[in-house]
PDB file of N, CA and C in Angstrom:
ATOM      1  N   UNK A   1      -6.156  13.932  -0.282  1.00  0.00           N
ATOM      2  CA  UNK A   1      -5.091  13.545   0.907  1.00  0.00           C
ATOM      3  C   UNK A   1      -4.064  14.231   1.024  1.00  0.00           C
ATOM      4  N   UNK A   2      -3.300  14.973   1.847  1.00  0.00           N
ATOM      5  CA  UNK A   2      -1.950  14.855   2.818  1.00  0.00           C
ATOM      6  C   UNK A   2      -1.477  13.989   3.459  1.00  0.00           C
ATOM      7  N   UNK A   3      -0.137  14.256   3.619  1.00  0.00           N
ATOM      8  CA  UNK A   3       1.349  12.485   3.854  1.00  0.00           C
ATOM      9  C   UNK A   3       0.182  13.218   6.072  1.00  0.00           C
ATOM     10  N   UNK A   4       0.049  14.477   6.358  1.00  0.00           N
ATOM     11  CA  UNK A   4      -0.440  13.785   7.564  1.00  0.00           C
ATOM     12  C   UNK A   4      -1.735  12.713   7.685  1.00  0.00           C
ATOM     13  N   UNK A   5      -2.309  13.425   7.198  1.00  0.00           N
ATOM     14  CA  UNK A   5      -3.962  12.746   6.671  1.00  0.00           C
ATOM     15  C   UNK A   5      -4.171  11.284   6.868  1.00  0.00           C
ATOM     16  N   UNK A   6      -3.129  11.168   5.957  1.00  0.00           N
ATOM     17  CA  UNK A   6      -2.936   8.932   5.010  1.00  0.00           C
ATOM     18  C   UNK A   6      -2.267   8.792   6.575  1.00  0.00           C
ATOM     19  N   UNK A   7      -0.882   9.363   6.826  1.00  0.00           N
ATOM     20  CA  UNK A   7      -0.513   8.638   8.121  1.00  0.00           C
ATOM     21  C   UNK A   7      -1.389   8.662   9.546  1.00  0.00           C
ATOM     22  N   UNK A   8      -2.170   9.405   8.950  1.00  0.00           N
ATOM     23  CA  UNK A   8      -3.840   9.144  11.169  1.00  0.00           C
ATOM     24  C   UNK A   8      -4.265   7.898  10.376  1.00  0.00           C
ATOM     25  N   UNK A   9      -4.517   7.393   8.867  1.00  0.00           N
ATOM     26  CA  UNK A   9      -5.798   7.022   8.545  1.00  0.00           C
ATOM     27  C   UNK A   9      -5.191   5.780   8.174  1.00  0.00           C
ATOM     28  N   UNK A  10      -3.930   5.097   7.823  1.00  0.00           N
ATOM     29  CA  UNK A  10      -3.047   4.451   7.450  1.00  0.00           C
ATOM     30  C   UNK A  10      -2.493   3.557   9.481  1.00  0.00           C
ATOM     31  N   UNK A  11      -2.930   4.523   9.866  1.00  0.00           N
ATOM     32  CA  UNK A  11      -2.479   4.449  11.289  1.00  0.00           C
ATOM     33  C   UNK A  11      -3.406   2.849  11.769  1.00  0.00           C
ATOM     34  N   UNK A  12      -4.929   4.092  12.038  1.00  0.00           N
ATOM     35  CA  UNK A  12      -6.074   3.397  11.853  1.00  0.00           C
ATOM     36  C   UNK A  12      -6.303   1.546  11.871  1.00  0.00           C
ATOM     37  N   UNK A  13      -5.712   1.881   9.908  1.00  0.00           N
ATOM     38  CA  UNK A  13      -5.987   0.222   9.732  1.00  0.00           C
ATOM     39  C   UNK A  13      -4.622  -0.494   9.897  1.00  0.00           C
ATOM     40  N   UNK A  14      -3.445  -0.620  10.687  1.00  0.00           N
ATOM     41  CA  UNK A  14      -2.643  -0.956  11.034  1.00  0.00           C
ATOM     42  C   UNK A  14      -3.420  -1.323  12.884  1.00  0.00           C
ATOM     43  N   UNK A  15      -3.599  -0.714  13.202  1.00  0.00           N
ATOM     44  CA  UNK A  15      -4.102  -0.969  14.783  1.00  0.00           C
ATOM     45  C   UNK A  15      -5.348  -1.902  14.568  1.00  0.00           C
ATOM     46  N   UNK A  16      -6.326  -1.816  13.458  1.00  0.00           N
ATOM     47  CA  UNK A  16      -7.124  -2.735  13.465  1.00  0.00           C
ATOM     48  C   UNK A  16      -6.586  -4.053  13.446  1.00  0.00           C
ATOM     49  N   UNK A  17      -5.935  -4.142  12.012  1.00  0.00           N
ATOM     50  CA  UNK A  17      -5.590  -5.168  11.376  1.00  0.00           C
ATOM     51  C   UNK A  17      -4.769  -6.201  12.588  1.00  0.00           C
ATOM     52  N   UNK A  18      -4.021  -5.536  13.485  1.00  0.00           N
ATOM     53  CA  UNK A  18      -3.258  -5.939  14.583  1.00  0.00           C
ATOM     54  C   UNK A  18      -4.043  -6.339  16.125  1.00  0.00           C
ATOM     55  N   UNK A  19      -5.211  -6.100  15.987  1.00  0.00           N
ATOM     56  CA  UNK A  19      -6.500  -6.301  16.573  1.00  0.00           C
ATOM     57  C   UNK A  19      -6.954  -7.250  16.062  1.00  0.00           C
ATOM     58  N   UNK A  20      -7.679  -7.356  14.664  1.00  0.00           N
ATOM     59  CA  UNK A  20      -7.162  -8.375  14.496  1.00  0.00           C
ATOM     60  C   UNK A  20      -6.943 -10.274  14.677  1.00  0.00           C
ATOM     61  N   UNK A  21      -5.251  -9.506  14.956  1.00  0.00           N
ATOM     62  CA  UNK A  21      -4.994 -11.365  14.854  1.00  0.00           C
ATOM     63  C   UNK A  21      -4.012 -10.917  13.956  1.00  0.00           C
ATOM     64  N   UNK A  22      -3.707 -10.062  13.029  1.00  0.00           N
ATOM     65  CA  UNK A  22      -2.416 -10.024  12.223  1.00  0.00           C
ATOM     66  C   UNK A  22      -1.180  -9.302  12.402  1.00  0.00           C
ATOM     67  N   UNK A  23      -0.763  -9.852  12.056  1.00  0.00           N
ATOM     68  CA  UNK A  23       1.120  -8.861  11.736  1.00  0.00           C
ATOM     69  C   UNK A  23       1.533  -8.169  10.692  1.00  0.00           C
ATOM     70  N   UNK A  24       1.093  -7.311  10.047  1.00  0.00           N
ATOM     71  CA  UNK A  24       1.708  -6.618   9.366  1.00  0.00           C
ATOM     72  C   UNK A  24       2.158  -6.353   9.472  1.00  0.00           C
ATOM     73  N   UNK A  25       3.169  -5.221   8.603  1.00  0.00           N
ATOM     74  CA  UNK A  25       4.770  -5.026   8.480  1.00  0.00           C
ATOM     75  C   UNK A  25       4.150  -4.054   7.027  1.00  0.00           C
ATOM     76  N   UNK A  26       5.613  -3.343   7.169  1.00  0.00           N
ATOM     77  CA  UNK A  26       4.545  -2.383   6.141  1.00  0.00           C
ATOM     78  C   UNK A  26       6.223  -2.334   4.925  1.00  0.00           C
ATOM     79  N   UNK A  27       6.666  -1.537   3.781  1.00  0.00           N
ATOM     80  CA  UNK A  27       7.554  -1.076   3.153  1.00  0.00           C
ATOM     81  C   UNK A  27       7.400  -0.205   1.993  1.00  0.00           C
ATOM     82  N   UNK A  28       8.427   0.725   0.864  1.00  0.00           N
ATOM     83  CA  UNK A  28       8.008   1.717  -0.165  1.00  0.00           C
ATOM     84  C   UNK A  28       6.776   2.499   0.840  1.00  0.00           C
ATOM     85  N   UNK A  29       7.557   3.002   2.337  1.00  0.00           N
ATOM     86  CA  UNK A  29       6.210   4.728   2.261  1.00  0.00           C
ATOM     87  C   UNK A  29       6.777   5.331   1.727  1.00  0.00           C
ATOM     88  N   UNK A  30       7.734   5.797   1.386  1.00  0.00           N
ATOM     89  CA  UNK A  30       8.881   7.049   0.149  1.00  0.00           C
ATOM     90  C   UNK A  30       9.920   6.577  -0.557  1.00  0.00           C
ATOM     91  N   UNK A  31       9.471   7.092  -1.650  1.00  0.00           N
ATOM     92  CA  UNK A  31      10.067   6.412  -2.986  1.00  0.00           C
ATOM     93  C   UNK A  31      10.568   6.956  -3.851  1.00  0.00           C
ATOM     94  N   UNK A  32      11.636   7.382  -4.058  1.00  0.00           N
ATOM     95  CA  UNK A  32      12.579   8.371  -5.311  1.00  0.00           C
ATOM     96  C   UNK A  32      11.894   7.912  -6.241  1.00  0.00           C
ATOM     97  N   UNK A  33      11.993   9.296  -7.002  1.00  0.00           N
ATOM     98  CA  UNK A  33      11.712   8.830  -8.312  1.00  0.00           C
ATOM     99  C   UNK A  33      12.756   7.482  -9.366  1.00  0.00           C
ATOM    100  N   UNK A  34      14.024   7.505  -8.808  1.00  0.00           N
ATOM    101  CA  UNK A  34      14.798   6.991  -9.702  1.00  0.00           C
ATOM    102  C   UNK A  34      14.605   5.519  -8.617  1.00  0.00           C
ATOM    103  N   UNK A  35      14.191   5.008  -7.888  1.00  0.00           N
ATOM    104  CA  UNK A  35      13.868   3.679  -7.244  1.00  0.00           C
ATOM    105  C   UNK A  35      12.718   3.552  -7.931  1.00  0.00           C
ATOM    106  N   UNK A  36      11.792   4.391  -8.269  1.00  0.00           N
ATOM    107  CA  UNK A  36      10.345   4.087  -9.088  1.00  0.00           C
ATOM    108  C   UNK A  36      10.409   4.243 -10.094  1.00  0.00           C
ATOM    109  N   UNK A  37      11.931   4.484 -11.505  1.00  0.00           N
ATOM    110  CA  UNK A  37      11.723   4.140 -12.246  1.00  0.00           C
ATOM    111  C   UNK A  37      12.596   2.613 -12.379  1.00  0.00           C
ATOM    112  N   UNK A  38      13.824   2.231 -10.849  1.00  0.00           N
ATOM    113  CA  UNK A  38      14.071   1.167 -11.396  1.00  0.00           C
ATOM    114  C   UNK A  38      12.605  -0.020 -11.224  1.00  0.00           C
ATOM    115  N   UNK A  39      12.035   0.178 -10.489  1.00  0.00           N
ATOM    116  CA  UNK A  39      10.666  -0.710  -9.807  1.00  0.00           C
ATOM    117  C   UNK A  39       9.821  -0.955 -11.475  1.00  0.00           C
ATOM    118  N   UNK A  40       9.857   0.036 -12.238  1.00  0.00           N
ATOM    119  CA  UNK A  40       8.930   0.460 -13.651  1.00  0.00           C
ATOM    120  C   UNK A  40       9.782  -0.437 -13.991  1.00  0.00           C
ATOM    121  N   UNK A  41      11.087  -0.545 -14.470  1.00  0.00           N
ATOM    122  CA  UNK A  41      12.230  -0.816 -15.578  1.00  0.00           C
ATOM    123  C   UNK A  41      12.074  -2.566 -15.779  1.00  0.00           C
ATOM    124  N   UNK A  42      11.631  -3.372 -14.581  1.00  0.00           N
ATOM    125  CA  UNK A  42      11.816  -4.357 -13.690  1.00  0.00           C
ATOM    126  C   UNK A  42      10.343  -4.703 -14.092  1.00  0.00           C
ATOM    127  N   UNK A  43       8.987  -3.834 -14.119  1.00  0.00           N
ATOM    128  CA  UNK A  43       7.882  -3.948 -14.100  1.00  0.00           C
ATOM    129  C   UNK A  43       7.055  -5.196 -12.983  1.00  0.00           C
ATOM    130  N   UNK A  44       7.855  -3.985 -12.386  1.00  0.00           N
ATOM    131  CA  UNK A  44       6.781  -4.205 -10.765  1.00  0.00           C
ATOM    132  C   UNK A  44       6.319  -2.581 -10.377  1.00  0.00           C
ATOM    133  N   UNK A  45       6.281  -2.078 -11.600  1.00  0.00           N
ATOM    134  CA  UNK A  45       4.943  -0.687 -10.978  1.00  0.00           C
ATOM    135  C   UNK A  45       4.458  -0.492 -12.465  1.00  0.00           C
ATOM    136  N   UNK A  46       3.254  -0.184 -12.546  1.00  0.00           N
ATOM    137  CA  UNK A  46       2.695   0.647 -13.514  1.00  0.00           C
ATOM    138  C   UNK A  46       3.446   2.175 -13.860  1.00  0.00           C
ATOM    139  N   UNK A  47       3.914   2.511 -12.856  1.00  0.00           N
ATOM    140  CA  UNK A  47       4.322   3.880 -12.828  1.00  0.00           C
ATOM    141  C   UNK A  47       5.773   4.257 -13.208  1.00  0.00           C
ATOM    142  N   UNK A  48       5.911   4.970 -13.837  1.00  0.00           N
ATOM    143  CA  UNK A  48       7.703   5.142 -14.600  1.00  0.00           C
ATOM    144  C   UNK A  48       8.096   6.440 -13.526  1.00  0.00           C
ATOM    145  N   UNK A  49       7.561   6.854 -13.052  1.00  0.00           N
ATOM    146  CA  UNK A  49       8.685   8.129 -12.188  1.00  0.00           C
ATOM    147  C   UNK A  49       9.009   9.603 -12.230  1.00  0.00           C
ATOM    148  N   UNK A  50       8.294   9.724 -14.073  1.00  0.00           N
ATOM    149  CA  UNK A  50       8.411  11.010 -14.268  1.00  0.00           C
ATOM    150  C   UNK A  50       6.900  11.245 -14.708  1.00  0.00           C
ATOM    151  N   UNK A  51       6.471  10.754 -15.940  1.00  0.00           N
ATOM    152  CA  UNK A  51       5.139  10.947 -16.474  1.00  0.00           C
ATOM    153  C   UNK A  51       4.019  10.538 -15.660  1.00  0.00           C
ATOM    154  N   UNK A  52       4.343   9.554 -15.516  1.00  0.00           N
ATOM    155  CA  UNK A  52       3.420   8.403 -15.031  1.00  0.00           C
ATOM    156  C   UNK A  52       4.088   8.512 -12.713  1.00  0.00           C
ATOM    157  N   UNK A  53       3.702   9.827 -12.445  1.00  0.00           N
ATOM    158  CA  UNK A  53       4.639   9.168 -10.775  1.00  0.00           C
ATOM    159  C   UNK A  53       3.173   8.456 -10.225  1.00  0.00           C
ATOM    160  N   UNK A  54       4.381   7.489  -9.464  1.00  0.00           N
ATOM    161  CA  UNK A  54       3.452   7.348  -7.811  1.00  0.00           C
ATOM    162  C   UNK A  54       2.913   7.976  -6.913  1.00  0.00           C
ATOM    163  N   UNK A  55       2.098   7.557  -5.715  1.00  0.00           N
ATOM    164  CA  UNK A  55       1.593   8.222  -4.667  1.00  0.00           C
ATOM    165  C   UNK A  55       3.115   8.147  -3.755  1.00  0.00           C
ATOM    166  N   UNK A  56       3.636   6.701  -4.275  1.00  0.00           N
ATOM    167  CA  UNK A  56       4.373   6.487  -2.667  1.00  0.00           C
ATOM    168  C   UNK A  56       5.749   7.305  -3.448  1.00  0.00           C
ATOM    169  N   UNK A  57       5.517   8.144  -4.046  1.00  0.00           N
ATOM    170  CA  UNK A  57       6.904   9.507  -4.487  1.00  0.00           C
ATOM    171  C   UNK A  57       6.490  10.639  -3.133  1.00  0.00           C
ATOM    172  N   UNK A  58       4.967  11.088  -3.407  1.00  0.00           N
ATOM    173  CA  UNK A  58       4.595  11.455  -2.449  1.00  0.00           C
ATOM    174  C   UNK A  58       4.637  11.940  -0.878  1.00  0.00           C
ATOM    175  N   UNK A  59       4.975  10.254  -0.738  1.00  0.00           N
ATOM    176  CA  UNK A  59       4.489   9.734   0.386  1.00  0.00           C
ATOM    177  C   UNK A  59       3.148   9.102   0.938  1.00  0.00           C
ATOM    178  N   UNK A  60       2.746   9.366  -0.053  1.00  0.00           N
ATOM    179  CA  UNK A  60       1.289   9.090  -0.275  1.00  0.00           C
ATOM    180  C   UNK A  60       0.334   7.447  -0.898  1.00  0.00           C
ATOM    181  N   UNK A  61       1.509   6.759  -0.319  1.00  0.00           N
ATOM    182  CA  UNK A  61       1.729   5.013  -0.698  1.00  0.00           C
ATOM    183  C   UNK A  61       2.275   4.193   0.139  1.00  0.00           C
ATOM    184  N   UNK A  62       1.111   3.164   0.776  1.00  0.00           N
ATOM    185  CA  UNK A  62       2.384   2.326   1.287  1.00  0.00           C
ATOM    186  C   UNK A  62       2.401   0.722   1.124  1.00  0.00           C
ATOM    187  N   UNK A  63       3.446  -0.033   1.126  1.00  0.00           N
ATOM    188  CA  UNK A  63       2.706  -0.812   0.932  1.00  0.00           C
ATOM    189  C   UNK A  63       2.877  -2.243   2.035  1.00  0.00           C
ATOM    190  N   UNK A  64       2.009  -3.495   2.507  1.00  0.00           N
ATOM    191  CA  UNK A  64       1.978  -3.488   3.913  1.00  0.00           C
ATOM    192  C   UNK A  64       2.045  -5.242   3.322  1.00  0.00           C
ATOM    193  N   UNK A  65       2.383  -5.793   4.219  1.00  0.00           N
ATOM    194  CA  UNK A  65       2.933  -7.290   3.683  1.00  0.00           C
ATOM    195  C   UNK A  65       2.934  -7.749   5.554  1.00  0.00           C
ATOM    196  N   UNK A  66       2.108  -9.268   4.913  1.00  0.00           N
ATOM    197  CA  UNK A  66       2.081  -9.955   5.988  1.00  0.00           C
ATOM    198  C   UNK A  66       2.811 -10.986   7.032  1.00  0.00           C
ATOM    199  N   UNK A  67       3.439 -11.178   8.101  1.00  0.00           N
ATOM    200  CA  UNK A  67       4.219 -11.714   8.538  1.00  0.00           C
ATOM    201  C   UNK A  67       3.175 -13.667   8.754  1.00  0.00           C
ATOM    202  N   UNK A  68       3.786 -14.112   8.169  1.00  0.00           N
ATOM    203  CA  UNK A  68       3.887 -15.684   8.244  1.00  0.00           C
ATOM    204  C   UNK A  68       4.513 -16.617   8.934  1.00  0.00           C
ATOM    205  N   UNK A  69       4.587 -17.546   9.843  1.00  0.00           N
ATOM    206  CA  UNK A  69       5.627 -18.274   9.883  1.00  0.00           C
ATOM    207  C   UNK A  69       6.895 -17.524   9.980  1.00  0.00           C
ATOM    208  N   UNK A  70       7.073 -16.741  10.340  1.00  0.00           N
ATOM    209  CA  UNK A  70       7.884 -15.493  10.140  1.00  0.00           C
ATOM    210  C   UNK A  70       9.057 -14.905   8.649  1.00  0.00           C
ATOM    211  N   UNK A  71       8.640 -15.221   7.717  1.00  0.00           N
ATOM    212  CA  UNK A  71       8.413 -14.745   7.038  1.00  0.00           C
ATOM    213  C   UNK A  71       6.683 -13.713   6.096  1.00  0.00           C
ATOM    214  N   UNK A  72       8.046 -12.558   5.698  1.00  0.00           N
ATOM    215  CA  UNK A  72       7.096 -11.522   4.864  1.00  0.00           C
ATOM    216  C   UNK A  72       5.690 -12.333   3.866  1.00  0.00           C
ATOM    217  N   UNK A  73       5.057 -11.823   3.766  1.00  0.00           N
ATOM    218  CA  UNK A  73       4.370 -13.245   2.380  1.00  0.00           C
ATOM    219  C   UNK A  73       4.011 -12.054   1.501  1.00  0.00           C
ATOM    220  N   UNK A  74       4.942 -11.398   0.154  1.00  0.00           N
ATOM    221  CA  UNK A  74       5.126 -10.710  -0.496  1.00  0.00           C
ATOM    222  C   UNK A  74       3.006 -10.775  -1.570  1.00  0.00           C
ATOM    223  N   UNK A  75       2.808 -11.933  -2.024  1.00  0.00           N
ATOM    224  CA  UNK A  75       1.228 -11.857  -2.203  1.00  0.00           C
ATOM    225  C   UNK A  75      -0.079 -12.059  -0.540  1.00  0.00           C
ATOM    226  N   UNK A  76      -0.570 -11.615  -0.657  1.00  0.00           N
ATOM    227  CA  UNK A  76      -1.613 -11.175  -0.432  1.00  0.00           C
ATOM    228  C   UNK A  76      -2.619 -12.618  -0.573  1.00  0.00           C
ATOM    229  N   UNK A  77      -3.473 -13.650   0.368  1.00  0.00           N
ATOM    230  CA  UNK A  77      -4.829 -13.908   0.399  1.00  0.00           C
ATOM    231  C   UNK A  77      -5.846 -13.442  -0.399  1.00  0.00           C
ATOM    232  N   UNK A  78      -6.606 -14.095  -1.569  1.00  0.00           N
ATOM    233  CA  UNK A  78      -7.339 -13.232  -2.222  1.00  0.00           C
ATOM    234  C   UNK A  78      -8.174 -12.434  -1.665  1.00  0.00           C
ATOM    235  N   UNK A  79      -9.138 -13.396  -0.396  1.00  0.00           N
ATOM    236  CA  UNK A  79      -9.814 -13.398   0.749  1.00  0.00           C
ATOM    237  C   UNK A  79      -9.799 -12.037   1.373  1.00  0.00           C
ATOM    238  N   UNK A  80      -7.812 -12.257   2.067  1.00  0.00           N
ATOM    239  CA  UNK A  80      -7.868 -11.172   3.166  1.00  0.00           C
ATOM    240  C   UNK A  80      -7.373 -10.005   2.693  1.00  0.00           C
ATOM    241  N   UNK A  81      -7.197  -9.819   0.660  1.00  0.00           N
ATOM    242  CA  UNK A  81      -6.825  -8.389   0.428  1.00  0.00           C
ATOM    243  C   UNK A  81      -8.479  -7.771   0.181  1.00  0.00           C
ATOM    244  N   UNK A  82      -9.223  -8.366  -0.249  1.00  0.00           N
ATOM    245  CA  UNK A  82     -10.570  -7.700   0.020  1.00  0.00           C
ATOM    246  C   UNK A  82     -10.673  -7.535   1.123  1.00  0.00           C
ATOM    247  N   UNK A  83     -11.232  -7.890   2.194  1.00  0.00           N
ATOM    248  CA  UNK A  83     -11.421  -7.346   3.330  1.00  0.00           C
ATOM    249  C   UNK A  83     -10.727  -6.104   3.702  1.00  0.00           C
ATOM    250  N   UNK A  84      -9.201  -6.053   3.580  1.00  0.00           N
ATOM    251  CA  UNK A  84      -8.522  -5.033   4.207  1.00  0.00           C
ATOM    252  C   UNK A  84      -9.155  -3.724   3.372  1.00  0.00           C
ATOM    253  N   UNK A  85      -8.909  -3.713   2.048  1.00  0.00           N
ATOM    254  CA  UNK A  85      -8.724  -3.209   1.129  1.00  0.00           C
ATOM    255  C   UNK A  85     -10.556  -2.415   1.340  1.00  0.00           C
ATOM    256  N   UNK A  86     -10.986  -3.472   1.700  1.00  0.00           N
ATOM    257  CA  UNK A  86     -12.536  -2.552   1.819  1.00  0.00           C
ATOM    258  C   UNK A  86     -12.244  -1.953   3.303  1.00  0.00           C
ATOM    259  N   UNK A  87     -11.759  -2.453   4.160  1.00  0.00           N
ATOM    260  CA  UNK A  87     -12.129  -1.216   4.659  1.00  0.00           C
ATOM    261  C   UNK A  87     -11.065  -0.046   4.720  1.00  0.00           C
ATOM    262  N   UNK A  88      -9.951  -0.471   4.585  1.00  0.00           N
ATOM    263  CA  UNK A  88      -8.887   0.649   3.503  1.00  0.00           C
ATOM    264  C   UNK A  88     -10.209   1.793   3.406  1.00  0.00           C
ATOM    265  N   UNK A  89     -10.629   1.183   1.892  1.00  0.00           N
ATOM    266  CA  UNK A  89     -11.875   2.725   1.309  1.00  0.00           C
ATOM    267  C   UNK A  89     -12.439   3.256   2.343  1.00  0.00           C
ATOM    268  N   UNK A  90     -13.490   2.488   3.233  1.00  0.00           N
ATOM    269  CA  UNK A  90     -13.702   3.158   3.601  1.00  0.00           C
ATOM    270  C   UNK A  90     -13.383   4.853   4.577  1.00  0.00           C
ATOM    271  N   UNK A  91     -11.561   3.770   5.207  1.00  0.00           N
ATOM    272  CA  UNK A  91     -11.544   5.040   6.902  1.00  0.00           C
ATOM    273  C   UNK A  91     -11.231   5.603   4.924  1.00  0.00           C
ATOM    274  N   UNK A  92     -10.141   5.549   4.156  1.00  0.00           N
ATOM    275  CA  UNK A  92      -9.590   6.873   3.857  1.00  0.00           C
ATOM    276  C   UNK A  92     -10.080   7.643   2.969  1.00  0.00           C
ATOM    277  N   UNK A  93     -11.275   6.917   2.343  1.00  0.00           N
ATOM    278  CA  UNK A  93     -12.718   7.926   1.455  1.00  0.00           C
ATOM    279  C   UNK A  93     -11.947   7.269  -0.129  1.00  0.00           C
ATOM    280  N   UNK A  94     -10.805   5.983  -0.427  1.00  0.00           N
ATOM    281  CA  UNK A  94     -10.315   6.412  -1.560  1.00  0.00           C
ATOM    282  C   UNK A  94     -11.215   5.047  -2.193  1.00  0.00           C
ATOM    283  N   UNK A  95     -11.683   5.491  -4.498  1.00  0.00           N
ATOM    284  CA  UNK A  95     -13.144   4.451  -4.451  1.00  0.00           C
ATOM    285  C   UNK A  95     -12.333   3.228  -5.522  1.00  0.00           C
ATOM    286  N   UNK A  96     -10.938   3.372  -4.742  1.00  0.00           N
ATOM    287  CA  UNK A  96     -10.327   1.689  -5.460  1.00  0.00           C
ATOM    288  C   UNK A  96      -9.127   1.597  -5.583  1.00  0.00           C
ATOM    289  N   UNK A  97      -9.238   0.480  -5.390  1.00  0.00           N
ATOM    290  CA  UNK A  97      -7.837  -0.538  -4.902  1.00  0.00           C
ATOM    291  C   UNK A  97      -6.514  -0.715  -6.229  1.00  0.00           C
ATOM    292  N   UNK A  98      -5.158  -1.695  -5.665  1.00  0.00           N
ATOM    293  CA  UNK A  98      -4.765  -1.472  -7.592  1.00  0.00           C
ATOM    294  C   UNK A  98      -4.510  -3.283  -7.543  1.00  0.00           C
ATOM    295  N   UNK A  99      -5.398  -3.920  -8.348  1.00  0.00           N
ATOM    296  CA  UNK A  99      -5.854  -5.084  -7.872  1.00  0.00           C
ATOM    297  C   UNK A  99      -4.727  -6.762  -8.095  1.00  0.00           C
ATOM    298  N   UNK A 100      -4.049  -5.679  -8.775  1.00  0.00           N
ATOM    299  CA  UNK A 100      -2.688  -6.148  -9.692  1.00  0.00           C
ATOM    300  C   UNK A 100      -1.463  -6.601  -8.520  1.00  0.00           C
ATOM    301  N   UNK A 101      -1.688  -5.092  -7.439  1.00  0.00           N
ATOM    302  CA  UNK A 101      -0.907  -5.536  -6.376  1.00  0.00           C
ATOM    303  C   UNK A 101      -1.701  -5.580  -5.217  1.00  0.00           C
ATOM    304  N   UNK A 102      -1.726  -6.019  -4.762  1.00  0.00           N
ATOM    305  CA  UNK A 102      -2.974  -6.352  -3.457  1.00  0.00           C
ATOM    306  C   UNK A 102      -2.222  -6.185  -2.020  1.00  0.00           C
ATOM    307  N   UNK A 103      -0.666  -5.863  -1.990  1.00  0.00           N
ATOM    308  CA  UNK A 103      -0.175  -5.315  -0.473  1.00  0.00           C
ATOM    309  C   UNK A 103      -0.500  -3.877  -0.687  1.00  0.00           C
ATOM    310  N   UNK A 104      -0.948  -3.207  -1.613  1.00  0.00           N
ATOM    311  CA  UNK A 104      -0.402  -2.067  -2.558  1.00  0.00           C
ATOM    312  C   UNK A 104      -1.814  -0.876  -1.162  1.00  0.00           C
ATOM    313  N   UNK A 105      -1.186   0.152  -0.311  1.00  0.00           N
ATOM    314  CA  UNK A 105      -2.734   1.076  -0.098  1.00  0.00           C
ATOM    315  C   UNK A 105      -2.358   2.728  -0.651  1.00  0.00           C
ATOM    316  N   UNK A 106      -3.549   2.746  -1.175  1.00  0.00           N
ATOM    317  CA  UNK A 106      -2.745   4.382  -1.715  1.00  0.00           C
ATOM    318  C   UNK A 106      -4.034   5.241  -1.233  1.00  0.00           C
ATOM    319  N   UNK A 107      -2.998   7.138  -0.935  1.00  0.00           N
ATOM    320  CA  UNK A 107      -4.679   7.942  -0.446  1.00  0.00           C
ATOM    321  C   UNK A 107      -5.703   7.585  -2.114  1.00  0.00           C
ATOM    322  N   UNK A 108      -5.403   7.293  -3.458  1.00  0.00           N
ATOM    323  CA  UNK A 108      -5.949   7.578  -4.449  1.00  0.00           C
ATOM    324  C   UNK A 108      -6.202   6.290  -5.561  1.00  0.00           C
ATOM    325  N   UNK A 109      -5.507   5.203  -5.079  1.00  0.00           N
ATOM    326  CA  UNK A 109      -5.609   3.731  -5.648  1.00  0.00           C
ATOM    327  C   UNK A 109      -4.309   4.236  -7.039  1.00  0.00           C
ATOM    328  N   UNK A 110      -3.595   4.745  -6.798  1.00  0.00           N
ATOM    329  CA  UNK A 110      -2.408   4.708  -7.612  1.00  0.00           C
ATOM    330  C   UNK A 110      -0.658   4.796  -7.445  1.00  0.00           C
TER     331      UNK A 110
END
């Protein structure tokens, strides 16, 4: 999937989330190798940015947070995460999602 296709598909997901009453915001749409290494070094990613590159580095991944009580929720409710990830897999054709990072939506699960 290229960046344009990813953008079209993530736009569809965000629209559906909003229509369902969710308040999504996104972060980390495109990440530099340096930022990826920093996240890896602090244990916030399993990709080191050099040998194991993240889809974020290609603009093919996005972290979506939900807003509740005017604050971003960095951890999703498990049921809600499973619901939206199942829908993402239908829209994107992805076969898996990163279960340890519930806010992560990617073109291939990395």
